[in-house]
N, C-alpha and C. Protein backbone atom coordinates (compact mmCIF):
# COMPACT_ATOMS: atom_id res chain seq x y z
N UNK A 1 190.37 -139.58 -10.40
CA UNK A 1 189.98 -140.93 -10.65
C UNK A 1 188.59 -141.13 -10.05
N UNK A 2 187.67 -141.72 -10.80
CA UNK A 2 186.30 -141.93 -10.29
C UNK A 2 186.30 -142.85 -9.07
N UNK A 3 185.36 -142.65 -8.14
CA UNK A 3 185.30 -143.46 -6.92
C UNK A 3 185.19 -144.96 -7.19
N UNK A 4 184.50 -145.35 -8.26
CA UNK A 4 184.34 -146.78 -8.55
C UNK A 4 185.70 -147.43 -8.78
N UNK A 5 186.58 -146.75 -9.49
CA UNK A 5 187.91 -147.31 -9.75
C UNK A 5 188.75 -147.35 -8.47
N UNK A 6 188.61 -146.35 -7.61
CA UNK A 6 189.34 -146.37 -6.34
C UNK A 6 188.89 -147.53 -5.46
N UNK A 7 187.60 -147.83 -5.46
CA UNK A 7 187.09 -148.94 -4.66
C UNK A 7 187.68 -150.28 -5.10
N UNK A 8 187.95 -150.41 -6.39
CA UNK A 8 188.51 -151.66 -6.93
C UNK A 8 190.03 -151.62 -6.95
N UNK A 9 190.62 -150.61 -6.31
CA UNK A 9 192.09 -150.46 -6.22
C UNK A 9 192.73 -150.44 -7.61
N UNK A 10 192.10 -149.74 -8.52
CA UNK A 10 192.63 -149.60 -9.87
C UNK A 10 193.92 -148.78 -9.81
N UNK A 11 194.95 -149.26 -10.45
CA UNK A 11 196.24 -148.59 -10.45
C UNK A 11 196.68 -148.41 -11.91
N UNK A 12 197.25 -147.27 -12.21
CA UNK A 12 197.77 -147.05 -13.55
C UNK A 12 199.21 -146.57 -13.44
N UNK A 13 199.95 -146.78 -14.49
CA UNK A 13 201.31 -146.26 -14.54
C UNK A 13 201.66 -145.88 -15.97
N UNK A 14 202.56 -144.96 -16.10
CA UNK A 14 203.06 -144.51 -17.39
C UNK A 14 204.58 -144.45 -17.28
N UNK A 15 205.28 -144.65 -18.38
CA UNK A 15 206.74 -144.61 -18.31
C UNK A 15 207.28 -143.21 -18.05
N UNK A 16 208.35 -143.14 -17.28
CA UNK A 16 209.08 -141.89 -17.05
C UNK A 16 210.37 -141.99 -17.84
N UNK A 17 210.65 -140.99 -18.66
CA UNK A 17 211.86 -141.01 -19.49
C UNK A 17 212.82 -139.94 -18.98
N UNK A 18 214.02 -140.37 -18.62
CA UNK A 18 215.04 -139.45 -18.13
C UNK A 18 216.21 -139.50 -19.11
N UNK A 19 216.57 -138.34 -19.67
CA UNK A 19 217.62 -138.26 -20.68
C UNK A 19 219.01 -138.52 -20.12
N UNK A 20 219.98 -138.39 -20.98
CA UNK A 20 221.38 -138.61 -20.62
C UNK A 20 221.92 -137.39 -19.87
N UNK A 21 222.81 -137.65 -18.92
CA UNK A 21 223.51 -136.61 -18.18
C UNK A 21 222.54 -135.65 -17.48
N UNK A 22 221.53 -136.19 -16.84
CA UNK A 22 220.55 -135.38 -16.10
C UNK A 22 220.89 -135.43 -14.62
N UNK A 23 220.89 -134.29 -13.98
CA UNK A 23 221.10 -134.21 -12.54
C UNK A 23 219.75 -134.01 -11.89
N UNK A 24 219.41 -134.87 -10.93
CA UNK A 24 218.14 -134.77 -10.22
C UNK A 24 218.47 -134.60 -8.74
N UNK A 25 218.04 -133.48 -8.16
CA UNK A 25 218.31 -133.19 -6.75
C UNK A 25 217.55 -134.13 -5.83
N UNK A 26 217.92 -134.11 -4.56
CA UNK A 26 217.29 -135.01 -3.59
C UNK A 26 215.85 -134.60 -3.33
N UNK A 27 215.02 -135.58 -3.09
CA UNK A 27 213.63 -135.34 -2.76
C UNK A 27 212.75 -134.94 -3.93
N UNK A 28 213.22 -135.10 -5.13
CA UNK A 28 212.42 -134.74 -6.31
C UNK A 28 211.36 -135.80 -6.54
N UNK A 29 210.15 -135.35 -6.84
CA UNK A 29 209.06 -136.25 -7.17
C UNK A 29 208.74 -136.09 -8.65
N UNK A 30 208.77 -137.21 -9.37
CA UNK A 30 208.51 -137.20 -10.81
C UNK A 30 207.22 -137.97 -11.05
N UNK A 31 206.23 -137.30 -11.62
CA UNK A 31 204.93 -137.92 -11.85
C UNK A 31 204.96 -138.81 -13.09
N UNK A 32 204.02 -139.74 -13.20
CA UNK A 32 203.98 -140.67 -14.33
C UNK A 32 203.85 -139.95 -15.67
N UNK A 33 204.53 -140.47 -16.69
CA UNK A 33 204.41 -139.96 -18.05
C UNK A 33 205.29 -138.77 -18.37
N UNK A 34 206.17 -138.37 -17.47
CA UNK A 34 207.02 -137.19 -17.68
C UNK A 34 208.28 -137.58 -18.44
N UNK A 35 208.75 -136.68 -19.30
CA UNK A 35 210.02 -136.83 -20.01
C UNK A 35 210.93 -135.69 -19.61
N UNK A 36 212.16 -136.01 -19.20
CA UNK A 36 213.17 -135.01 -18.86
C UNK A 36 214.25 -135.08 -19.92
N UNK A 37 214.52 -133.96 -20.59
CA UNK A 37 215.47 -133.92 -21.69
C UNK A 37 216.91 -134.07 -21.25
N UNK A 38 217.79 -134.35 -22.21
CA UNK A 38 219.22 -134.54 -21.96
C UNK A 38 219.84 -133.29 -21.35
N UNK A 39 220.85 -133.49 -20.50
CA UNK A 39 221.69 -132.43 -19.94
C UNK A 39 220.90 -131.40 -19.14
N UNK A 40 219.83 -131.80 -18.49
CA UNK A 40 219.04 -130.88 -17.68
C UNK A 40 219.35 -131.08 -16.20
N UNK A 41 219.01 -130.07 -15.39
CA UNK A 41 219.22 -130.11 -13.95
C UNK A 41 217.87 -129.85 -13.29
N UNK A 42 217.48 -130.73 -12.37
CA UNK A 42 216.23 -130.57 -11.63
C UNK A 42 216.58 -130.26 -10.18
N UNK A 43 216.09 -129.13 -9.67
CA UNK A 43 216.42 -128.68 -8.32
C UNK A 43 215.82 -129.58 -7.24
N UNK A 44 216.47 -129.62 -6.09
CA UNK A 44 216.04 -130.45 -4.97
C UNK A 44 214.64 -130.08 -4.51
N UNK A 45 213.84 -131.09 -4.19
CA UNK A 45 212.50 -130.87 -3.67
C UNK A 45 211.46 -130.50 -4.71
N UNK A 46 211.81 -130.56 -5.98
CA UNK A 46 210.88 -130.18 -7.04
C UNK A 46 209.84 -131.28 -7.27
N UNK A 47 208.70 -130.87 -7.81
CA UNK A 47 207.65 -131.81 -8.21
C UNK A 47 207.49 -131.65 -9.71
N UNK A 48 207.98 -132.63 -10.47
CA UNK A 48 207.97 -132.55 -11.93
C UNK A 48 206.62 -133.08 -12.43
N UNK A 49 205.77 -132.17 -12.91
CA UNK A 49 204.43 -132.54 -13.36
C UNK A 49 204.30 -132.59 -14.87
N UNK A 50 205.23 -131.97 -15.59
CA UNK A 50 205.18 -131.94 -17.05
C UNK A 50 206.56 -132.17 -17.64
N UNK A 51 206.62 -132.25 -18.95
CA UNK A 51 207.88 -132.50 -19.64
C UNK A 51 208.86 -131.34 -19.46
N UNK A 52 210.15 -131.69 -19.34
CA UNK A 52 211.22 -130.71 -19.19
C UNK A 52 212.10 -130.82 -20.42
N UNK A 53 212.37 -129.69 -21.13
CA UNK A 53 213.19 -129.75 -22.35
C UNK A 53 214.66 -129.99 -22.04
N UNK A 54 215.47 -130.12 -23.09
CA UNK A 54 216.90 -130.34 -22.97
C UNK A 54 217.61 -129.06 -22.54
N UNK A 55 218.76 -129.23 -21.87
CA UNK A 55 219.68 -128.14 -21.53
C UNK A 55 219.03 -127.00 -20.76
N UNK A 56 218.31 -127.33 -19.69
CA UNK A 56 217.69 -126.30 -18.86
C UNK A 56 217.89 -126.61 -17.38
N UNK A 57 217.73 -125.58 -16.57
CA UNK A 57 217.67 -125.73 -15.12
C UNK A 57 216.21 -125.51 -14.75
N UNK A 58 215.62 -126.47 -14.03
CA UNK A 58 214.21 -126.38 -13.65
C UNK A 58 214.08 -126.70 -12.17
N UNK A 59 213.15 -126.01 -11.51
CA UNK A 59 212.94 -126.25 -10.09
C UNK A 59 211.57 -125.75 -9.67
N UNK A 60 211.15 -126.13 -8.48
CA UNK A 60 209.91 -125.65 -7.91
C UNK A 60 208.83 -126.71 -7.83
N UNK A 61 207.71 -126.29 -7.23
CA UNK A 61 206.55 -127.17 -7.11
C UNK A 61 205.34 -126.38 -7.58
N UNK A 62 204.85 -126.56 -8.77
CA UNK A 62 205.30 -127.50 -9.80
C UNK A 62 206.60 -127.03 -10.46
N UNK A 63 207.34 -127.96 -10.98
CA UNK A 63 208.65 -127.69 -11.58
C UNK A 63 208.50 -126.82 -12.82
N UNK A 64 209.26 -125.73 -12.86
CA UNK A 64 209.24 -124.82 -14.00
C UNK A 64 210.67 -124.54 -14.45
N UNK A 65 210.84 -124.25 -15.72
CA UNK A 65 212.16 -123.94 -16.27
C UNK A 65 212.56 -122.55 -15.78
N UNK A 66 213.75 -122.47 -15.18
CA UNK A 66 214.27 -121.19 -14.69
C UNK A 66 215.14 -120.53 -15.75
N UNK A 67 216.01 -121.33 -16.38
CA UNK A 67 216.88 -120.78 -17.42
C UNK A 67 217.46 -121.90 -18.25
N UNK A 68 218.04 -121.53 -19.38
CA UNK A 68 218.73 -122.50 -20.22
C UNK A 68 220.18 -122.62 -19.78
N UNK A 69 220.77 -123.76 -20.03
CA UNK A 69 222.18 -123.96 -19.75
C UNK A 69 222.95 -123.53 -20.99
N UNK A 70 223.82 -122.52 -20.83
CA UNK A 70 224.54 -121.95 -21.97
C UNK A 70 226.02 -122.25 -21.95
N UNK A 71 226.75 -121.56 -22.80
CA UNK A 71 228.18 -121.75 -22.92
C UNK A 71 228.92 -121.34 -21.65
N UNK A 72 228.42 -120.33 -20.95
CA UNK A 72 229.05 -119.89 -19.70
C UNK A 72 229.03 -121.00 -18.65
N UNK A 73 228.02 -121.84 -18.67
CA UNK A 73 227.92 -122.93 -17.70
C UNK A 73 228.92 -124.04 -17.95
N UNK A 74 229.57 -124.05 -19.07
CA UNK A 74 230.54 -125.10 -19.37
C UNK A 74 231.89 -124.84 -18.68
N UNK A 75 232.09 -123.62 -18.17
CA UNK A 75 233.32 -123.29 -17.46
C UNK A 75 233.19 -123.71 -16.00
N UNK A 76 234.32 -123.96 -15.38
CA UNK A 76 234.36 -124.26 -13.95
C UNK A 76 234.73 -122.99 -13.21
N UNK A 77 234.07 -122.74 -12.09
CA UNK A 77 234.34 -121.54 -11.30
C UNK A 77 234.68 -121.91 -9.87
N UNK A 78 235.58 -121.12 -9.27
CA UNK A 78 235.91 -121.25 -7.87
C UNK A 78 236.02 -119.84 -7.31
N UNK A 79 235.12 -119.49 -6.42
CA UNK A 79 235.08 -118.15 -5.83
C UNK A 79 235.08 -117.07 -6.91
N UNK A 80 234.14 -117.19 -7.85
CA UNK A 80 233.93 -116.22 -8.94
C UNK A 80 235.12 -116.04 -9.87
N UNK A 81 236.01 -117.03 -9.91
CA UNK A 81 237.12 -116.99 -10.85
C UNK A 81 237.06 -118.22 -11.74
N UNK A 82 237.35 -118.04 -13.00
CA UNK A 82 237.38 -119.17 -13.92
C UNK A 82 238.54 -120.10 -13.60
N UNK A 83 238.32 -121.37 -13.70
CA UNK A 83 239.35 -122.37 -13.43
C UNK A 83 239.60 -123.15 -14.70
N UNK A 84 240.85 -123.21 -15.13
CA UNK A 84 241.20 -123.96 -16.32
C UNK A 84 241.28 -125.44 -16.01
N UNK A 85 240.62 -126.25 -16.79
CA UNK A 85 240.66 -127.70 -16.61
C UNK A 85 241.14 -128.32 -17.91
N UNK A 86 242.18 -129.13 -17.82
CA UNK A 86 242.69 -129.80 -19.02
C UNK A 86 242.65 -131.30 -18.80
N UNK A 87 242.46 -132.02 -19.86
CA UNK A 87 242.45 -133.48 -19.78
C UNK A 87 243.87 -133.97 -19.93
N UNK A 88 244.23 -134.90 -19.07
CA UNK A 88 245.57 -135.49 -19.12
C UNK A 88 245.63 -136.57 -20.18
N UNK A 89 246.66 -137.41 -20.07
CA UNK A 89 246.78 -138.53 -21.00
C UNK A 89 245.66 -139.52 -20.78
N UNK A 90 245.47 -140.35 -21.74
CA UNK A 90 244.39 -141.34 -21.67
C UNK A 90 244.56 -142.22 -20.43
N UNK A 91 243.46 -142.35 -19.68
CA UNK A 91 243.49 -143.18 -18.49
C UNK A 91 243.82 -142.43 -17.22
N UNK A 92 244.33 -141.20 -17.35
CA UNK A 92 244.64 -140.43 -16.14
C UNK A 92 243.49 -139.48 -15.84
N UNK A 93 243.40 -139.06 -14.61
CA UNK A 93 242.33 -138.13 -14.23
C UNK A 93 242.65 -136.74 -14.73
N UNK A 94 241.63 -135.88 -14.76
CA UNK A 94 241.79 -134.52 -15.22
C UNK A 94 242.65 -133.74 -14.23
N UNK A 95 243.49 -132.87 -14.75
CA UNK A 95 244.29 -132.02 -13.86
C UNK A 95 243.64 -130.65 -13.79
N UNK A 96 243.71 -130.04 -12.64
CA UNK A 96 243.04 -128.77 -12.42
C UNK A 96 244.05 -127.72 -12.04
N UNK A 97 243.99 -126.56 -12.69
CA UNK A 97 244.85 -125.44 -12.35
C UNK A 97 244.02 -124.45 -11.54
N UNK A 98 243.98 -124.65 -10.24
CA UNK A 98 243.17 -123.80 -9.35
C UNK A 98 243.90 -122.51 -9.07
N UNK A 99 243.18 -121.40 -8.93
CA UNK A 99 243.81 -120.11 -8.66
C UNK A 99 244.46 -120.09 -7.28
N UNK A 100 245.56 -119.38 -7.17
CA UNK A 100 246.25 -119.25 -5.89
C UNK A 100 245.64 -118.10 -5.10
N UNK A 101 245.70 -118.21 -3.80
CA UNK A 101 245.15 -117.13 -2.94
C UNK A 101 246.10 -115.99 -2.84
């Protein structure tokens, strides 16, 4: 920003667009004008300087895409074992079949 504008306390802003079902870690800084796509995950402490596409894991300073979120990520895991999750009747919480030790 040119010094003349700083002297006059010129301030600008741009909209930040955050998609549906986005996880944003603690301490993330999102700069003006950035768009984060649906179903993405932003790692803690990241500085988002550019647009982030849908279905990705991104982290770092500056924030970069590490990998895409695939079908394997839709499963639940507990200690490297798959956990079956089924939906109960309408209005009830999900039941979990956790592996036995």
